[in-house]
Protein backbone atom coordinates (compact mmCIF):
# COMPACT_ATOMS: atom_id res chain seq x y z
CA MET A 1 -262.11 40.34 -138.59
CA SER A 2 -260.46 41.71 -135.45
CA GLY A 3 -259.10 45.17 -134.83
CA GLU A 4 -255.57 43.83 -135.26
CA ASP A 5 -256.57 42.38 -138.66
CA ARG A 6 -258.08 45.74 -139.66
CA TYR A 7 -254.91 47.50 -138.56
CA ASP A 8 -252.73 45.15 -140.64
CA ARG A 9 -255.02 45.49 -143.65
CA LEU A 10 -255.03 49.29 -143.40
CA VAL A 11 -251.24 49.59 -143.17
CA ALA A 12 -250.79 47.13 -146.06
CA GLU A 13 -253.23 49.11 -148.23
CA LEU A 14 -251.61 52.45 -147.38
CA ASP A 15 -248.18 51.04 -148.24
CA ALA A 16 -249.40 49.44 -151.49
CA ALA A 17 -250.97 52.74 -152.57
CA ASP A 18 -247.88 54.81 -151.68
CA ALA A 19 -250.00 56.90 -149.33
CA LYS A 20 -248.40 59.65 -147.28
CA TYR A 21 -248.95 58.63 -143.67
CA ARG A 22 -247.32 58.28 -140.27
CA LEU A 23 -248.04 55.88 -137.44
CA ILE A 24 -248.28 57.44 -133.98
CA GLU A 25 -247.98 55.35 -130.82
CA HIS A 26 -249.64 56.72 -127.68
CA ALA A 27 -251.29 55.69 -124.43
CA PRO A 28 -254.50 53.72 -125.04
CA GLU A 29 -257.33 56.18 -125.63
CA GLY A 30 -260.46 56.18 -127.79
CA ARG A 31 -262.11 59.51 -126.96
CA THR A 32 -261.54 62.08 -129.71
CA GLU A 33 -260.54 65.08 -127.59
CA GLU A 34 -258.22 63.11 -125.33
CA VAL A 35 -256.48 61.17 -128.11
CA SER A 36 -256.08 64.37 -130.16
CA ALA A 37 -254.17 65.88 -127.24
CA LEU A 38 -251.97 62.77 -127.00
CA ARG A 39 -251.25 62.93 -130.73
CA GLY A 40 -250.58 66.69 -130.55
CA HIS A 41 -252.99 68.09 -133.13
CA ASP A 42 -256.10 70.26 -133.31
CA VAL A 43 -259.20 68.21 -132.53
CA ALA A 44 -260.79 69.50 -135.76
CA HIS A 45 -258.25 67.40 -137.71
CA ALA A 46 -259.40 64.17 -136.07
CA ALA A 47 -261.66 61.91 -138.13
CA LYS A 48 -264.49 61.05 -135.72
CA CYS A 49 -266.20 57.87 -136.92
CA LEU A 50 -269.79 57.09 -135.96
CA ILE A 51 -271.97 54.22 -137.12
CA VAL A 52 -275.59 55.06 -137.75
CA MET A 53 -278.61 52.89 -138.52
CA VAL A 54 -281.16 54.28 -140.98
CA LYS A 55 -284.55 52.70 -141.62
CA VAL A 56 -285.52 53.03 -145.26
CA GLY A 57 -289.12 51.94 -145.70
CA LYS A 58 -290.74 49.37 -143.43
CA LYS A 59 -288.37 46.44 -143.78
CA GLN A 60 -285.02 47.78 -144.95
CA THR A 61 -282.24 49.01 -142.69
CA ARG A 62 -279.01 50.57 -143.90
CA HIS A 63 -275.87 51.41 -141.93
CA VAL A 64 -273.69 54.45 -142.45
CA LEU A 65 -270.15 55.08 -141.29
CA ALA A 66 -270.36 58.83 -140.77
CA VAL A 67 -266.98 60.59 -140.58
CA VAL A 68 -266.92 64.13 -139.22
CA PRO A 69 -264.30 66.50 -137.80
CA GLY A 70 -263.45 65.73 -134.19
CA ASP A 71 -264.85 69.04 -132.96
CA ALA A 72 -268.18 68.66 -134.77
CA ARG A 73 -271.46 66.97 -133.89
CA LEU A 74 -273.12 64.60 -136.31
CA ASP A 75 -276.59 65.72 -137.39
CA LEU A 76 -278.62 62.50 -137.51
CA SER A 77 -281.46 64.16 -139.42
CA ARG A 78 -279.06 65.06 -142.23
CA VAL A 79 -277.98 61.42 -142.49
CA LYS A 80 -281.63 60.34 -142.51
CA ASP A 81 -282.46 62.85 -145.27
CA LEU A 82 -279.39 61.85 -147.29
CA LEU A 83 -280.60 58.24 -147.42
CA ALA A 84 -284.30 59.16 -147.69
CA GLY A 85 -284.86 57.34 -144.42
CA THR A 86 -287.85 57.23 -142.14
CA TYR A 87 -285.94 56.75 -138.86
CA VAL A 88 -282.33 57.20 -137.75
CA ALA A 89 -280.34 56.36 -134.64
CA PHE A 90 -276.83 55.49 -133.60
CA ALA A 91 -276.25 51.80 -134.17
CA ALA A 92 -276.14 49.56 -131.12
CA LYS A 93 -272.57 49.17 -129.85
CA GLU A 94 -272.39 45.45 -130.68
CA ARG A 95 -273.70 46.01 -134.23
CA ALA A 96 -271.36 48.98 -134.78
CA GLU A 97 -268.33 46.98 -133.64
CA GLU A 98 -269.35 44.04 -135.85
CA LEU A 99 -269.65 46.27 -138.94
CA ALA A 100 -266.47 48.22 -138.15
CA GLY A 101 -264.44 45.15 -137.24
CA SER A 102 -263.00 46.93 -134.21
CA VAL A 103 -264.09 48.23 -130.83
CA SER A 104 -265.67 51.62 -130.19
CA GLY A 105 -263.08 54.37 -130.14
CA THR A 106 -260.97 52.62 -132.80
CA VAL A 107 -263.33 52.66 -135.80
CA LEU A 108 -261.46 53.42 -139.02
CA PRO A 109 -262.74 56.05 -141.47
CA PHE A 110 -262.69 53.30 -144.11
CA SER A 111 -265.49 50.82 -144.76
CA TYR A 112 -264.36 47.23 -145.16
CA ASP A 113 -267.91 45.87 -144.95
CA PRO A 114 -270.26 46.15 -147.95
CA ARG A 115 -273.18 46.71 -145.55
CA LEU A 116 -271.56 49.93 -144.28
CA GLU A 117 -271.87 53.02 -146.48
CA LEU A 118 -269.09 55.58 -145.96
CA VAL A 119 -270.10 59.25 -145.80
CA ALA A 120 -267.66 62.05 -144.94
CA ASP A 121 -268.55 65.63 -144.19
CA PRO A 122 -266.77 68.14 -146.48
CA ALA A 123 -265.50 70.07 -143.44
CA LEU A 124 -263.35 67.05 -142.56
CA LEU A 125 -261.54 67.29 -145.89
CA ARG A 126 -260.30 70.87 -145.37
CA ALA A 127 -257.35 69.83 -143.21
CA PRO A 128 -254.19 68.72 -145.08
CA GLU A 129 -253.87 65.68 -142.81
CA LEU A 130 -256.40 63.52 -140.94
CA TYR A 131 -255.78 61.70 -137.68
CA PHE A 132 -257.59 58.59 -136.49
CA ASN A 133 -257.11 55.57 -134.27
CA ALA A 134 -255.88 52.68 -136.40
CA ALA A 135 -258.33 49.99 -135.20
CA ARG A 136 -256.32 50.03 -131.96
CA LEU A 137 -256.50 52.24 -128.89
CA ASP A 138 -252.71 52.64 -128.69
CA ARG A 139 -251.86 53.50 -132.27
CA SER A 140 -253.07 56.18 -134.66
CA VAL A 141 -252.52 57.19 -138.25
CA ALA A 142 -251.86 60.66 -139.61
CA LEU A 143 -252.88 60.40 -143.27
CA ALA A 144 -252.70 62.99 -146.04
CA THR A 145 -256.29 64.03 -146.74
CA GLU A 146 -255.85 63.68 -150.50
CA ASP A 147 -254.77 60.07 -149.99
CA TYR A 148 -257.73 59.43 -147.70
CA VAL A 149 -260.15 60.65 -150.38
CA ARG A 150 -258.35 58.66 -153.07
CA LEU A 151 -258.28 55.40 -151.11
CA ALA A 152 -261.49 55.48 -149.06
CA ALA A 153 -263.61 57.12 -151.79
CA PRO A 154 -266.23 58.39 -149.33
CA ARG A 155 -269.53 59.86 -150.37
CA VAL A 156 -269.06 63.54 -149.44
CA ALA A 157 -272.12 65.25 -148.00
CA PRO A 158 -272.85 67.80 -145.25
CA ILE A 159 -273.75 65.74 -142.18
CA VAL A 160 -272.54 67.90 -139.27
CA ALA A 161 -274.84 69.94 -137.08
CA THR A 162 -274.71 73.64 -137.77
CA PRO A 163 -274.29 75.93 -134.75
């Protein structure tokens, strides 16, 4: 599934669920701080999406779509502990893009792949609205946080690094 397919699927699902959202067109950009400035919101309200590989035992590997506020750093050890893993690392770019169905910088905070477990940090859910690239570098979504939680149904756990 391509990024354009993921975009179409997302918009169709948001419409079908009567979600409160807006589409925002902007110059192509995938870096959280830069795209937040283009969209005109606090970087903390951006949903930064990172794909992590966790080894669980000797032969099993799991993948996590970790969603954190745009101004936060993901704590890999917290993700490892959450899944009772033995090793954790960011997924290779090719593997991450395969699981996400879109290129880096456009990963949705929704998992459309059963091999990708969705985990959101509770700090992300404090903002009334979340912003994220919509599987495209030139278009974003501003989505009501309550609708995000209702539709994405993430596992909510503290996964950001503490200062």
